[in-house]
């Protein structure tokens, strides 16, 4: 008979998420995960299958939070320019991507070796698809409200805004000054004018 699990998988996932956000997948060892989570290697493997399995759970947790803070507001009925501005205000804030100079975990993962694994790569692609859809919904809402010039293509702008999120993530990881980040966001949002 197996012993019952003696740890909370939610807490373990949150702690792993924090570590992966700071160091990336390749920068985290099993020993690091054992130390941060307080769970031994055997417990981690029995619960998550592998380091990558725990990483995927951390990505899921990150996505759940991003959906609530970023994507849902963009997809809400009546969303438009104001929601895009609010999202970038959050993303560029000390509580967003700038928190701990971590940037976006999906942006970090997209450019890393772990993204070559189908399960990770598919999750990254799916996340950016959801984010793009959110931007597209808000841009179409802005168009309906007359807050987006007729010559502006929402499809093109949605792609541009994804690139802006990626750029913000790189700026966060590079410890760029808040004023520089603010200028970057203001310039990017000017593309909506």
N, C-alpha and C. Protein backbone atom coordinates (compact mmCIF):
# COMPACT_ATOMS: atom_id res chain seq x y z
N UNK A 1 0.84 -1.18 0.00
CA UNK A 1 0.00 0.00 0.00
C UNK A 1 0.89 1.25 0.00
N UNK A 2 0.56 2.20 -0.85
CA UNK A 2 1.35 3.43 -0.94
C UNK A 2 0.98 4.39 0.18
N UNK A 3 2.00 5.12 0.60
CA UNK A 3 1.77 6.15 1.61
C UNK A 3 1.04 7.33 0.98
N UNK A 4 0.12 7.92 1.72
CA UNK A 4 -0.56 9.10 1.16
C UNK A 4 0.42 10.26 1.01
N UNK A 5 0.15 11.10 0.05
CA UNK A 5 0.98 12.27 -0.21
C UNK A 5 0.96 13.18 1.01
N UNK A 6 2.12 13.67 1.40
CA UNK A 6 2.22 14.50 2.60
C UNK A 6 2.54 15.95 2.29
N UNK A 7 2.20 16.39 1.10
CA UNK A 7 2.44 17.79 0.74
C UNK A 7 1.32 18.28 -0.15
N UNK A 8 1.16 19.56 -0.18
CA UNK A 8 0.13 20.21 -0.97
C UNK A 8 0.69 20.51 -2.36
N UNK A 9 0.13 19.86 -3.38
CA UNK A 9 0.66 20.04 -4.74
C UNK A 9 0.51 21.48 -5.22
N UNK A 10 -0.51 22.18 -4.73
CA UNK A 10 -0.69 23.59 -5.11
C UNK A 10 0.49 24.43 -4.63
N UNK A 11 0.88 24.22 -3.39
CA UNK A 11 2.01 24.97 -2.82
C UNK A 11 3.30 24.61 -3.54
N UNK A 12 3.50 23.33 -3.79
CA UNK A 12 4.70 22.88 -4.51
C UNK A 12 4.75 23.51 -5.90
N UNK A 13 3.62 23.51 -6.59
CA UNK A 13 3.57 24.10 -7.94
C UNK A 13 3.86 25.60 -7.89
N UNK A 14 3.30 26.29 -6.91
CA UNK A 14 3.57 27.73 -6.77
C UNK A 14 5.04 28.01 -6.51
N UNK A 15 5.65 27.22 -5.66
CA UNK A 15 7.07 27.42 -5.36
C UNK A 15 7.94 27.11 -6.57
N UNK A 16 7.57 26.06 -7.29
CA UNK A 16 8.31 25.73 -8.52
C UNK A 16 8.12 26.82 -9.56
N UNK A 17 6.92 27.35 -9.67
CA UNK A 17 6.65 28.45 -10.61
C UNK A 17 7.55 29.63 -10.31
N UNK A 18 7.66 29.98 -9.05
CA UNK A 18 8.52 31.10 -8.66
C UNK A 18 9.97 30.83 -9.09
N UNK A 19 10.44 29.63 -8.85
CA UNK A 19 11.82 29.29 -9.21
C UNK A 19 12.02 29.27 -10.73
N UNK A 20 11.12 28.62 -11.45
CA UNK A 20 11.23 28.58 -12.92
C UNK A 20 11.14 29.98 -13.52
N UNK A 21 10.32 30.85 -12.93
CA UNK A 21 10.20 32.22 -13.43
C UNK A 21 11.50 32.99 -13.28
N UNK A 22 12.23 32.71 -12.22
CA UNK A 22 13.50 33.40 -12.00
C UNK A 22 14.64 32.82 -12.83
N UNK A 23 14.68 31.49 -12.95
CA UNK A 23 15.86 30.85 -13.54
C UNK A 23 15.61 30.17 -14.88
N UNK A 24 14.36 30.02 -15.28
CA UNK A 24 14.07 29.28 -16.51
C UNK A 24 14.18 27.78 -16.26
N UNK A 25 13.70 26.99 -17.20
CA UNK A 25 13.71 25.54 -17.03
C UNK A 25 15.13 25.00 -16.88
N UNK A 26 16.01 25.40 -17.78
CA UNK A 26 17.38 24.86 -17.78
C UNK A 26 18.17 25.31 -16.55
N UNK A 27 17.80 26.44 -15.98
CA UNK A 27 18.53 26.97 -14.84
C UNK A 27 18.11 26.38 -13.50
N UNK A 28 17.19 25.43 -13.52
CA UNK A 28 16.69 24.83 -12.29
C UNK A 28 17.06 23.35 -12.27
N UNK A 29 17.70 22.93 -11.20
CA UNK A 29 18.05 21.51 -11.04
C UNK A 29 17.01 20.84 -10.14
N UNK A 30 17.05 19.51 -10.13
CA UNK A 30 16.16 18.79 -9.22
C UNK A 30 16.49 19.13 -7.77
N UNK A 31 17.77 19.30 -7.49
CA UNK A 31 18.17 19.69 -6.13
C UNK A 31 17.56 21.04 -5.76
N UNK A 32 17.54 21.97 -6.72
CA UNK A 32 16.91 23.28 -6.48
C UNK A 32 15.42 23.10 -6.15
N UNK A 33 14.77 22.25 -6.93
CA UNK A 33 13.34 22.01 -6.71
C UNK A 33 13.08 21.37 -5.35
N UNK A 34 13.95 20.43 -4.97
CA UNK A 34 13.81 19.80 -3.66
C UNK A 34 13.94 20.85 -2.55
N UNK A 35 14.93 21.71 -2.69
CA UNK A 35 15.16 22.75 -1.68
C UNK A 35 14.00 23.71 -1.58
N UNK A 36 13.55 24.22 -2.73
CA UNK A 36 12.50 25.24 -2.74
C UNK A 36 11.15 24.68 -2.33
N UNK A 37 10.84 23.47 -2.76
CA UNK A 37 9.52 22.91 -2.47
C UNK A 37 9.47 22.17 -1.13
N UNK A 38 10.63 21.73 -0.65
CA UNK A 38 10.65 20.94 0.57
C UNK A 38 10.21 19.50 0.34
N UNK A 39 10.13 19.10 -0.91
CA UNK A 39 9.71 17.74 -1.27
C UNK A 39 10.89 17.03 -1.90
N UNK A 40 11.10 15.78 -1.50
CA UNK A 40 12.19 14.99 -2.04
C UNK A 40 11.96 14.60 -3.49
N UNK A 41 13.05 14.20 -4.12
CA UNK A 41 13.03 13.79 -5.52
C UNK A 41 11.96 12.74 -5.80
N UNK A 42 11.88 11.73 -4.94
CA UNK A 42 10.91 10.66 -5.15
C UNK A 42 9.48 11.20 -5.12
N UNK A 43 9.20 12.08 -4.16
CA UNK A 43 7.87 12.67 -4.08
C UNK A 43 7.53 13.50 -5.30
N UNK A 44 8.53 14.25 -5.79
CA UNK A 44 8.31 15.07 -7.00
C UNK A 44 8.04 14.17 -8.20
N UNK A 45 8.86 13.12 -8.36
CA UNK A 45 8.68 12.22 -9.50
C UNK A 45 7.36 11.46 -9.41
N UNK A 46 7.01 11.00 -8.21
CA UNK A 46 5.74 10.26 -8.06
C UNK A 46 4.53 11.13 -8.37
N UNK A 47 4.63 12.41 -8.07
CA UNK A 47 3.50 13.31 -8.28
C UNK A 47 3.47 13.92 -9.67
N UNK A 48 4.63 14.37 -10.16
CA UNK A 48 4.67 15.12 -11.41
C UNK A 48 5.31 14.35 -12.57
N UNK A 49 5.90 13.21 -12.29
CA UNK A 49 6.48 12.38 -13.33
C UNK A 49 7.91 12.73 -13.69
N UNK A 50 8.21 14.02 -13.72
CA UNK A 50 9.55 14.48 -14.10
C UNK A 50 9.66 15.97 -13.80
N UNK A 51 10.86 16.47 -13.95
CA UNK A 51 11.06 17.92 -13.82
C UNK A 51 10.19 18.65 -14.84
N UNK A 52 10.15 18.12 -16.07
CA UNK A 52 9.34 18.75 -17.11
C UNK A 52 7.85 18.69 -16.76
N UNK A 53 7.42 17.60 -16.14
CA UNK A 53 6.03 17.50 -15.70
C UNK A 53 5.67 18.58 -14.69
N UNK A 54 6.58 18.84 -13.76
CA UNK A 54 6.36 19.92 -12.79
C UNK A 54 6.40 21.27 -13.48
N UNK A 55 7.29 21.41 -14.46
CA UNK A 55 7.38 22.66 -15.22
C UNK A 55 6.07 22.93 -15.96
N UNK A 56 5.50 21.90 -16.55
CA UNK A 56 4.22 22.06 -17.27
C UNK A 56 3.12 22.48 -16.29
N UNK A 57 3.11 21.90 -15.10
CA UNK A 57 2.14 22.32 -14.09
C UNK A 57 2.35 23.79 -13.71
N UNK A 58 3.62 24.21 -13.63
CA UNK A 58 3.92 25.61 -13.33
C UNK A 58 3.44 26.51 -14.47
N UNK A 59 3.63 26.08 -15.72
CA UNK A 59 3.13 26.85 -16.86
C UNK A 59 1.60 26.97 -16.80
N UNK A 60 0.94 25.88 -16.44
CA UNK A 60 -0.53 25.93 -16.33
C UNK A 60 -0.95 26.95 -15.27
N UNK A 61 -0.26 26.95 -14.14
CA UNK A 61 -0.58 27.90 -13.07
C UNK A 61 -0.36 29.33 -13.53
N UNK A 62 0.75 29.56 -14.22
CA UNK A 62 1.05 30.89 -14.73
C UNK A 62 -0.05 31.32 -15.70
N UNK A 63 -0.46 30.40 -16.57
CA UNK A 63 -1.51 30.71 -17.55
C UNK A 63 -2.84 31.02 -16.86
N UNK A 64 -3.18 30.27 -15.82
CA UNK A 64 -4.42 30.55 -15.08
C UNK A 64 -4.43 31.99 -14.58
N UNK A 65 -3.32 32.42 -14.04
CA UNK A 65 -3.21 33.78 -13.51
C UNK A 65 -3.26 34.81 -14.63
N UNK A 66 -2.56 34.52 -15.72
CA UNK A 66 -2.55 35.45 -16.86
C UNK A 66 -3.94 35.57 -17.47
N UNK A 67 -4.67 34.47 -17.51
CA UNK A 67 -6.03 34.52 -18.05
C UNK A 67 -6.87 35.51 -17.24
N UNK A 68 -6.78 35.42 -15.93
CA UNK A 68 -7.59 36.30 -15.08
C UNK A 68 -7.14 37.75 -15.13
N UNK A 69 -5.85 37.98 -15.14
CA UNK A 69 -5.32 39.35 -15.05
C UNK A 69 -5.22 40.05 -16.41
N UNK A 70 -5.05 39.26 -17.47
CA UNK A 70 -4.76 39.87 -18.76
C UNK A 70 -5.80 39.51 -19.83
N UNK A 71 -5.99 38.23 -20.06
CA UNK A 71 -6.77 37.81 -21.22
C UNK A 71 -8.28 38.01 -21.02
N UNK A 72 -8.82 37.63 -19.87
CA UNK A 72 -10.26 37.79 -19.64
C UNK A 72 -10.70 39.25 -19.78
N UNK A 73 -9.97 40.22 -19.19
CA UNK A 73 -10.39 41.62 -19.38
C UNK A 73 -10.41 42.05 -20.86
N UNK A 74 -9.50 41.51 -21.65
CA UNK A 74 -9.45 41.86 -23.07
C UNK A 74 -10.62 41.25 -23.85
N UNK A 75 -11.11 40.11 -23.38
CA UNK A 75 -12.18 39.41 -24.09
C UNK A 75 -13.58 39.76 -23.58
N UNK A 76 -13.65 40.52 -22.52
CA UNK A 76 -14.94 40.90 -21.93
C UNK A 76 -15.75 41.72 -22.93
N UNK A 77 -17.05 41.47 -22.94
CA UNK A 77 -17.95 42.24 -23.82
C UNK A 77 -17.74 43.73 -23.59
N UNK A 78 -17.56 44.46 -24.66
CA UNK A 78 -17.36 45.91 -24.57
C UNK A 78 -15.91 46.32 -24.36
N UNK A 79 -15.01 45.35 -24.29
CA UNK A 79 -13.58 45.69 -24.12
C UNK A 79 -13.09 46.44 -25.34
N UNK A 80 -12.18 47.36 -25.12
CA UNK A 80 -11.62 48.15 -26.21
C UNK A 80 -10.26 48.70 -25.84
N UNK A 81 -10.00 49.89 -26.32
CA UNK A 81 -8.70 50.53 -26.10
C UNK A 81 -8.35 50.64 -24.62
N UNK A 82 -9.33 51.02 -23.80
CA UNK A 82 -9.07 51.21 -22.36
C UNK A 82 -8.54 49.93 -21.72
N UNK A 83 -9.07 48.78 -22.13
CA UNK A 83 -8.61 47.50 -21.56
C UNK A 83 -7.19 47.19 -22.01
N UNK A 84 -6.87 47.51 -23.25
CA UNK A 84 -5.50 47.30 -23.73
C UNK A 84 -4.54 48.17 -22.92
N UNK A 85 -4.90 49.42 -22.72
CA UNK A 85 -4.06 50.34 -21.93
C UNK A 85 -3.91 49.81 -20.51
N UNK A 86 -5.01 49.34 -19.90
CA UNK A 86 -4.95 48.80 -18.53
C UNK A 86 -4.06 47.57 -18.47
N UNK A 87 -4.19 46.68 -19.45
CA UNK A 87 -3.36 45.47 -19.47
C UNK A 87 -1.88 45.84 -19.52
N UNK A 88 -1.53 46.77 -20.39
CA UNK A 88 -0.12 47.16 -20.46
C UNK A 88 0.33 47.91 -19.22
N UNK A 89 -0.59 48.64 -18.61
CA UNK A 89 -0.27 49.28 -17.33
C UNK A 89 0.07 48.24 -16.28
N UNK A 90 -0.71 47.15 -16.26
CA UNK A 90 -0.44 46.07 -15.30
C UNK A 90 0.86 45.33 -15.66
N UNK A 91 0.98 44.93 -16.92
CA UNK A 91 2.15 44.16 -17.34
C UNK A 91 3.44 44.91 -17.04
N UNK A 92 3.42 46.23 -17.23
CA UNK A 92 4.63 47.04 -17.02
C UNK A 92 4.77 47.53 -15.58
N UNK A 93 3.93 47.03 -14.69
CA UNK A 93 3.97 47.48 -13.29
C UNK A 93 4.84 46.56 -12.44
N UNK A 94 5.15 47.00 -11.22
CA UNK A 94 5.91 46.14 -10.30
C UNK A 94 5.17 44.85 -9.95
N UNK A 95 3.86 44.78 -10.15
CA UNK A 95 3.11 43.55 -9.90
C UNK A 95 2.99 42.68 -11.14
N UNK A 96 3.37 43.20 -12.28
CA UNK A 96 3.27 42.45 -13.53
C UNK A 96 4.61 41.82 -13.89
N UNK A 97 5.01 41.98 -15.15
CA UNK A 97 6.25 41.36 -15.62
C UNK A 97 7.49 41.92 -14.94
N UNK A 98 7.40 43.12 -14.43
CA UNK A 98 8.57 43.73 -13.79
C UNK A 98 8.81 43.17 -12.39
N UNK A 99 7.85 42.41 -11.87
CA UNK A 99 7.98 41.85 -10.52
C UNK A 99 9.22 40.97 -10.45
N UNK A 100 10.16 41.38 -9.65
CA UNK A 100 11.38 40.60 -9.50
C UNK A 100 12.21 40.51 -10.77
N UNK A 101 11.95 41.40 -11.73
CA UNK A 101 12.66 41.39 -13.01
C UNK A 101 12.59 40.03 -13.70
N UNK A 102 11.42 39.42 -13.65
CA UNK A 102 11.26 38.07 -14.20
C UNK A 102 10.76 38.05 -15.63
N UNK A 103 9.91 38.98 -15.97
CA UNK A 103 9.30 38.94 -17.28
C UNK A 103 8.23 37.86 -17.34
N UNK A 104 7.81 37.55 -18.53
CA UNK A 104 6.76 36.57 -18.78
C UNK A 104 7.37 35.17 -18.90
N UNK A 105 6.84 34.22 -18.13
CA UNK A 105 7.37 32.86 -18.17
C UNK A 105 7.20 32.24 -19.56
N UNK A 106 6.12 32.55 -20.24
CA UNK A 106 5.92 31.99 -21.59
C UNK A 106 6.92 32.60 -22.57
N UNK A 107 7.23 33.88 -22.42
CA UNK A 107 8.24 34.51 -23.29
C UNK A 107 9.60 33.87 -23.06
N UNK A 108 9.94 33.67 -21.80
CA UNK A 108 11.21 33.03 -21.46
C UNK A 108 11.27 31.61 -22.02
N UNK A 109 10.18 30.88 -21.88
CA UNK A 109 10.12 29.49 -22.33
C UNK A 109 10.16 29.39 -23.85
N UNK A 110 9.52 30.33 -24.54
CA UNK A 110 9.44 30.28 -26.01
C UNK A 110 10.82 30.28 -26.65
N UNK A 111 11.78 30.93 -26.03
CA UNK A 111 13.11 31.02 -26.62
C UNK A 111 14.09 30.00 -26.04
N UNK A 112 13.60 29.10 -25.21
CA UNK A 112 14.49 28.15 -24.56
C UNK A 112 14.42 26.77 -25.21
N UNK A 113 15.39 25.94 -24.87
CA UNK A 113 15.47 24.58 -25.42
C UNK A 113 14.25 23.73 -25.06
N UNK A 114 13.68 23.95 -23.88
CA UNK A 114 12.57 23.12 -23.45
C UNK A 114 11.36 23.27 -24.37
N UNK A 115 11.27 24.37 -25.09
CA UNK A 115 10.13 24.59 -26.00
C UNK A 115 10.15 23.61 -27.17
N UNK A 116 11.27 22.94 -27.40
CA UNK A 116 11.31 21.97 -28.51
C UNK A 116 10.53 20.70 -28.19
N UNK A 117 10.25 20.46 -26.90
CA UNK A 117 9.41 19.32 -26.54
C UNK A 117 7.97 19.66 -26.93
N UNK A 118 7.32 18.72 -27.57
CA UNK A 118 5.99 18.98 -28.12
C UNK A 118 5.00 19.47 -27.07
N UNK A 119 5.02 18.85 -25.89
CA UNK A 119 4.05 19.25 -24.87
C UNK A 119 4.28 20.68 -24.38
N UNK A 120 5.52 21.08 -24.27
CA UNK A 120 5.83 22.45 -23.84
C UNK A 120 5.59 23.43 -24.98
N UNK A 121 6.10 23.10 -26.16
CA UNK A 121 5.93 23.98 -27.32
C UNK A 121 4.47 24.23 -27.64
N UNK A 122 3.64 23.19 -27.53
CA UNK A 122 2.21 23.34 -27.79
C UNK A 122 1.56 24.27 -26.76
N UNK A 123 1.97 24.14 -25.51
CA UNK A 123 1.41 24.99 -24.45
C UNK A 123 1.80 26.45 -24.68
N UNK A 124 3.05 26.68 -25.08
CA UNK A 124 3.52 28.04 -25.37
C UNK A 124 2.73 28.63 -26.53
N UNK A 125 2.60 27.86 -27.59
CA UNK A 125 1.86 28.32 -28.77
C UNK A 125 0.40 28.61 -28.43
N UNK A 126 -0.20 27.75 -27.64
CA UNK A 126 -1.59 27.93 -27.23
C UNK A 126 -1.75 29.21 -26.40
N UNK A 127 -0.82 29.46 -25.50
CA UNK A 127 -0.88 30.67 -24.66
C UNK A 127 -0.84 31.92 -25.53
N UNK A 128 0.12 31.97 -26.45
CA UNK A 128 0.23 33.16 -27.30
C UNK A 128 -0.98 33.29 -28.22
N UNK A 129 -1.59 32.17 -28.60
CA UNK A 129 -2.83 32.22 -29.37
C UNK A 129 -3.96 32.85 -28.56
N UNK A 130 -4.05 32.48 -27.29
CA UNK A 130 -5.09 33.06 -26.41
C UNK A 130 -4.83 34.55 -26.19
N UNK A 131 -3.58 34.90 -25.98
CA UNK A 131 -3.24 36.31 -25.76
C UNK A 131 -3.56 37.12 -27.02
N UNK A 132 -3.21 36.58 -28.18
CA UNK A 132 -3.50 37.26 -29.44
C UNK A 132 -5.01 37.44 -29.60
N UNK A 133 -5.76 36.39 -29.30
CA UNK A 133 -7.22 36.47 -29.41
C UNK A 133 -7.77 37.56 -28.49
N UNK A 134 -7.24 37.64 -27.28
CA UNK A 134 -7.67 38.69 -26.36
C UNK A 134 -7.41 40.08 -26.93
N UNK A 135 -6.20 40.28 -27.44
CA UNK A 135 -5.89 41.58 -28.05
C UNK A 135 -6.81 41.86 -29.23
N UNK A 136 -7.04 40.84 -30.05
CA UNK A 136 -7.89 41.01 -31.22
C UNK A 136 -9.32 41.41 -30.81
N UNK A 137 -9.86 40.76 -29.79
CA UNK A 137 -11.21 41.11 -29.30
C UNK A 137 -11.26 42.57 -28.88
N UNK A 138 -10.28 43.00 -28.09
CA UNK A 138 -10.27 44.39 -27.60
C UNK A 138 -10.05 45.37 -28.75
N UNK A 139 -9.23 45.01 -29.72
CA UNK A 139 -9.00 45.89 -30.87
C UNK A 139 -10.26 46.02 -31.72
N UNK A 140 -10.98 44.92 -31.89
CA UNK A 140 -12.24 44.98 -32.63
C UNK A 140 -13.27 45.81 -31.86
N UNK A 141 -13.25 45.69 -30.53
CA UNK A 141 -14.12 46.53 -29.71
C UNK A 141 -13.76 48.00 -29.85
N UNK A 142 -12.46 48.29 -29.89
CA UNK A 142 -12.00 49.67 -30.07
C UNK A 142 -12.46 50.20 -31.42
N UNK A 143 -12.42 49.35 -32.43
CA UNK A 143 -12.87 49.75 -33.76
C UNK A 143 -14.35 50.11 -33.74
N UNK A 144 -15.16 49.28 -33.08
CA UNK A 144 -16.61 49.54 -32.99
C UNK A 144 -16.90 50.86 -32.27
N UNK A 145 -16.10 51.17 -31.28
CA UNK A 145 -16.30 52.40 -30.49
C UNK A 145 -15.70 53.63 -31.15
N UNK A 146 -15.04 53.44 -32.27
CA UNK A 146 -14.40 54.56 -32.95
C UNK A 146 -13.06 54.96 -32.35
N UNK A 147 -12.49 54.08 -31.51
CA UNK A 147 -11.20 54.35 -30.87
C UNK A 147 -10.02 53.77 -31.64
N UNK A 148 -10.30 53.24 -32.82
CA UNK A 148 -9.24 52.69 -33.66
C UNK A 148 -9.50 53.17 -35.08
N UNK A 149 -8.52 53.83 -35.63
CA UNK A 149 -8.67 54.40 -36.98
C UNK A 149 -9.00 53.30 -37.99
N UNK A 150 -9.84 53.62 -38.99
CA UNK A 150 -10.26 52.63 -39.98
C UNK A 150 -9.10 51.99 -40.74
N UNK A 151 -8.01 52.72 -40.93
CA UNK A 151 -6.88 52.16 -41.69
C UNK A 151 -6.03 51.20 -40.84
N UNK A 152 -6.29 51.13 -39.55
CA UNK A 152 -5.54 50.23 -38.67
C UNK A 152 -6.15 48.83 -38.75
N UNK A 153 -5.32 47.84 -38.99
CA UNK A 153 -5.78 46.45 -39.11
C UNK A 153 -5.66 45.76 -37.75
N UNK A 154 -6.78 45.37 -37.12
CA UNK A 154 -6.72 44.71 -35.82
C UNK A 154 -5.86 43.45 -35.81
N UNK A 155 -5.85 42.70 -36.90
CA UNK A 155 -5.03 41.48 -36.97
C UNK A 155 -3.54 41.82 -36.86
N UNK A 156 -3.13 42.83 -37.60
CA UNK A 156 -1.73 43.26 -37.58
C UNK A 156 -1.37 43.83 -36.22
N UNK A 157 -2.25 44.65 -35.67
CA UNK A 157 -1.99 45.24 -34.35
C UNK A 157 -1.94 44.18 -33.25
N UNK A 158 -2.76 43.14 -33.35
CA UNK A 158 -2.72 42.06 -32.35
C UNK A 158 -1.34 41.40 -32.36
N UNK A 159 -0.80 41.16 -33.55
CA UNK A 159 0.55 40.59 -33.65
C UNK A 159 1.59 41.54 -33.06
N UNK A 160 1.43 42.83 -33.35
CA UNK A 160 2.34 43.84 -32.82
C UNK A 160 2.30 43.86 -31.29
N UNK A 161 1.11 43.76 -30.72
CA UNK A 161 0.99 43.80 -29.26
C UNK A 161 1.60 42.56 -28.61
N UNK A 162 1.54 41.42 -29.28
CA UNK A 162 2.23 40.22 -28.77
C UNK A 162 3.73 40.50 -28.72
N UNK A 163 4.26 41.09 -29.77
CA UNK A 163 5.68 41.45 -29.79
C UNK A 163 6.02 42.45 -28.69
N UNK A 164 5.09 43.34 -28.40
CA UNK A 164 5.30 44.32 -27.34
C UNK A 164 5.40 43.63 -25.98
N UNK A 165 4.53 42.65 -25.74
CA UNK A 165 4.60 41.87 -24.50
C UNK A 165 5.96 41.18 -24.40
N UNK A 166 6.40 40.59 -25.51
CA UNK A 166 7.70 39.91 -25.50
C UNK A 166 8.83 40.90 -25.22
N UNK A 167 8.74 42.08 -25.82
CA UNK A 167 9.75 43.10 -25.58
C UNK A 167 9.77 43.55 -24.13
N UNK A 168 8.59 43.70 -23.53
CA UNK A 168 8.51 44.07 -22.11
C UNK A 168 9.13 43.00 -21.24
N UNK A 169 8.92 41.75 -21.61
CA UNK A 169 9.51 40.65 -20.84
C UNK A 169 11.03 40.73 -20.88
N UNK A 170 11.57 40.98 -22.06
CA UNK A 170 13.03 41.10 -22.19
C UNK A 170 13.54 42.29 -21.39
N UNK A 171 12.81 43.39 -21.40
CA UNK A 171 13.22 44.57 -20.64
C UNK A 171 13.21 44.27 -19.14
N UNK A 172 12.21 43.53 -18.68
CA UNK A 172 12.14 43.18 -17.26
C UNK A 172 13.34 42.34 -16.86
N UNK A 173 13.65 41.32 -17.66
CA UNK A 173 14.78 40.44 -17.33
C UNK A 173 16.11 41.19 -17.41
N UNK A 174 16.16 42.25 -18.21
CA UNK A 174 17.39 43.04 -18.34
C UNK A 174 17.46 44.17 -17.32
N UNK A 175 16.50 44.22 -16.40
CA UNK A 175 16.50 45.22 -15.32
C UNK A 175 16.50 46.65 -15.86
N UNK A 176 15.73 46.90 -16.90
CA UNK A 176 15.67 48.25 -17.46
C UNK A 176 14.96 49.19 -16.50
N UNK A 177 15.35 50.45 -16.48
CA UNK A 177 14.72 51.42 -15.57
C UNK A 177 13.23 51.60 -15.89
N UNK A 178 12.47 51.89 -14.84
CA UNK A 178 11.01 52.06 -14.98
C UNK A 178 10.66 53.13 -16.01
N UNK A 179 11.43 54.20 -16.06
CA UNK A 179 11.14 55.28 -17.02
C UNK A 179 11.29 54.77 -18.45
N UNK A 180 12.29 53.94 -18.69
CA UNK A 180 12.50 53.39 -20.03
C UNK A 180 11.34 52.46 -20.41
N UNK A 181 10.90 51.65 -19.47
CA UNK A 181 9.76 50.76 -19.72
C UNK A 181 8.51 51.58 -20.02
N UNK A 182 8.31 52.63 -19.26
CA UNK A 182 7.15 53.51 -19.47
C UNK A 182 7.18 54.11 -20.87
N UNK A 183 8.32 54.58 -21.31
CA UNK A 183 8.45 55.16 -22.66
C UNK A 183 8.16 54.10 -23.73
N UNK A 184 8.64 52.90 -23.51
CA UNK A 184 8.41 51.80 -24.45
C UNK A 184 6.91 51.53 -24.59
N UNK A 185 6.22 51.44 -23.46
CA UNK A 185 4.78 51.16 -23.48
C UNK A 185 4.02 52.31 -24.14
N UNK A 186 4.36 53.54 -23.79
CA UNK A 186 3.69 54.70 -24.39
C UNK A 186 3.86 54.71 -25.91
N UNK A 187 5.06 54.42 -26.36
CA UNK A 187 5.34 54.40 -27.80
C UNK A 187 4.56 53.28 -28.48
N UNK A 188 4.52 52.11 -27.85
CA UNK A 188 3.78 50.98 -28.42
C UNK A 188 2.29 51.30 -28.49
N UNK A 189 1.75 51.88 -27.44
CA UNK A 189 0.32 52.20 -27.43
C UNK A 189 -0.03 53.30 -28.42
N UNK A 190 0.94 54.14 -28.76
CA UNK A 190 0.71 55.19 -29.76
C UNK A 190 0.38 54.58 -31.12
N UNK A 191 0.78 53.34 -31.35
CA UNK A 191 0.46 52.67 -32.61
C UNK A 191 -1.04 52.46 -32.76
N UNK A 192 -1.77 52.55 -31.66
CA UNK A 192 -3.23 52.38 -31.72
C UNK A 192 -3.93 53.66 -32.15
N UNK A 193 -3.21 54.79 -32.13
CA UNK A 193 -3.82 56.09 -32.48
C UNK A 193 -4.10 56.18 -33.97
